[in-house]
């Protein structure tokens, strides 16, 4: 079922907020050791990547300004199809170096595209 652009953008923001909540107060080593939290974060990154992929597919050009758009979709594919080889350090680094930038751009896009 195709959804509207605003729904996809909100999915990204909700997933990013959940990742922040799940990892708040954790150290890298605690994150790596906690299979439940890591699994939840992986799922939310899958949602982010798929929501961005769907938005770009059904609303061409709408999310082109998202930093590292292809990397976000690629990370989703890596988690879904290469689940046996997901690197917790890569997830941790993405959370701490890229997630806030992604959120800021998606919030900006919501202001532009959503009532």
Protein backbone atom coordinates (compact mmCIF):
# COMPACT_ATOMS: atom_id res chain seq x y z
CA UNK A 1 0.00 0.00 0.00
CA UNK A 2 1.37 3.37 -0.99
CA UNK A 3 1.32 5.98 1.74
CA UNK A 4 1.79 9.72 1.54
CA UNK A 5 5.19 11.37 1.82
CA UNK A 6 4.44 12.82 5.24
CA UNK A 7 3.78 9.35 6.65
CA UNK A 8 7.15 8.09 5.39
CA UNK A 9 8.92 11.10 6.86
CA UNK A 10 7.18 10.57 10.20
CA UNK A 11 8.19 6.91 10.15
CA UNK A 12 11.83 8.03 9.86
CA UNK A 13 11.46 10.44 12.77
CA UNK A 14 9.68 7.88 14.96
CA UNK A 15 12.32 5.23 14.28
CA UNK A 16 15.15 7.68 14.96
CA UNK A 17 13.54 8.73 18.24
CA UNK A 18 13.19 5.09 19.26
CA UNK A 19 16.87 4.46 18.48
CA UNK A 20 17.81 7.41 20.68
CA UNK A 21 15.58 6.14 23.48
CA UNK A 22 16.92 2.58 23.22
CA UNK A 23 20.56 3.68 23.39
CA UNK A 24 20.31 6.61 25.81
CA UNK A 25 22.88 6.16 28.57
CA UNK A 26 24.54 3.13 27.01
CA UNK A 27 28.23 2.84 26.28
CA UNK A 28 29.46 1.25 23.07
CA UNK A 29 30.44 -1.92 24.92
CA UNK A 30 27.07 -2.13 26.68
CA UNK A 31 25.33 -1.69 23.33
CA UNK A 32 27.43 -4.42 21.73
CA UNK A 33 26.68 -6.78 24.64
CA UNK A 34 22.91 -6.19 24.68
CA UNK A 35 21.35 -8.37 21.98
CA UNK A 36 17.84 -7.07 22.68
CA UNK A 37 18.77 -3.41 22.26
CA UNK A 38 20.95 -4.13 19.23
CA UNK A 39 18.11 -6.07 17.60
CA UNK A 40 15.67 -3.25 18.26
CA UNK A 41 18.08 -0.69 16.81
CA UNK A 42 18.62 -2.84 13.73
CA UNK A 43 14.87 -3.02 13.17
CA UNK A 44 14.51 0.75 13.47
CA UNK A 45 17.35 1.28 10.99
CA UNK A 46 15.52 -1.08 8.63
CA UNK A 47 12.43 1.11 8.96
CA UNK A 48 14.42 4.29 8.31
CA UNK A 49 16.02 2.85 5.18
CA UNK A 50 12.78 1.41 3.84
CA UNK A 51 10.79 4.58 4.53
CA UNK A 52 13.39 6.64 2.69
CA UNK A 53 13.46 4.15 -0.17
CA UNK A 54 9.68 4.22 -0.51
CA UNK A 55 9.61 8.02 -0.32
CA UNK A 56 12.22 8.33 -3.06
CA UNK A 57 10.42 5.72 -5.19
CA UNK A 58 6.91 7.14 -4.95
CA UNK A 59 7.84 10.81 -4.56
CA UNK A 60 10.92 11.28 -6.78
CA UNK A 61 13.24 14.03 -5.64
CA UNK A 62 11.42 14.51 -2.34
CA UNK A 63 14.18 13.14 -0.12
CA UNK A 64 17.23 13.74 -2.31
CA UNK A 65 18.51 16.27 0.23
CA UNK A 66 18.77 13.63 2.96
CA UNK A 67 22.47 13.24 3.75
CA UNK A 68 23.81 9.83 2.72
CA UNK A 69 20.41 8.73 1.39
CA UNK A 70 21.90 5.82 -0.56
CA UNK A 71 23.89 4.76 2.50
CA UNK A 72 20.74 4.73 4.66
CA UNK A 73 18.92 2.52 2.16
CA UNK A 74 22.04 0.39 1.77
CA UNK A 75 22.30 -0.06 5.51
CA UNK A 76 18.71 -1.29 5.56
CA UNK A 77 19.54 -3.82 2.87
CA UNK A 78 22.65 -4.90 4.71
CA UNK A 79 20.70 -5.50 7.92
CA UNK A 80 17.87 -7.33 6.15
CA UNK A 81 19.95 -9.48 3.83
CA UNK A 82 23.30 -9.66 5.59
CA UNK A 83 21.83 -10.04 9.06
CA UNK A 84 24.54 -12.56 9.95
CA UNK A 85 27.28 -9.98 9.52
CA UNK A 86 25.91 -6.73 10.98
CA UNK A 87 28.67 -4.77 12.69
CA UNK A 88 27.52 -3.29 16.01
CA UNK A 89 30.31 -0.70 15.81
CA UNK A 90 28.94 0.59 12.49
CA UNK A 91 25.48 0.91 14.04
CA UNK A 92 26.91 2.68 17.08
CA UNK A 93 28.91 5.09 14.92
CA UNK A 94 25.86 5.80 12.77
CA UNK A 95 23.79 6.58 15.84
CA UNK A 96 26.37 9.02 17.16
CA UNK A 97 27.57 10.66 13.95
CA UNK A 98 24.67 10.58 11.50
CA UNK A 99 21.32 10.18 13.23
CA UNK A 100 20.94 13.78 14.46
CA UNK A 101 21.80 15.15 11.01
CA UNK A 102 19.24 12.83 9.43
CA UNK A 103 16.57 13.93 11.91
CA UNK A 104 17.24 17.63 11.27
CA UNK A 105 16.88 17.19 7.49
CA UNK A 106 13.74 15.06 7.74
CA UNK A 107 12.19 17.60 10.12
CA UNK A 108 13.00 20.32 7.57
CA UNK A 109 11.42 18.26 4.79
CA UNK A 110 8.28 17.82 6.87
CA UNK A 111 8.01 21.60 7.22
CA UNK A 112 8.27 21.94 3.43
CA UNK A 113 5.99 19.07 2.38
CA UNK A 114 3.53 18.45 5.18
CA UNK A 115 0.64 20.60 6.38
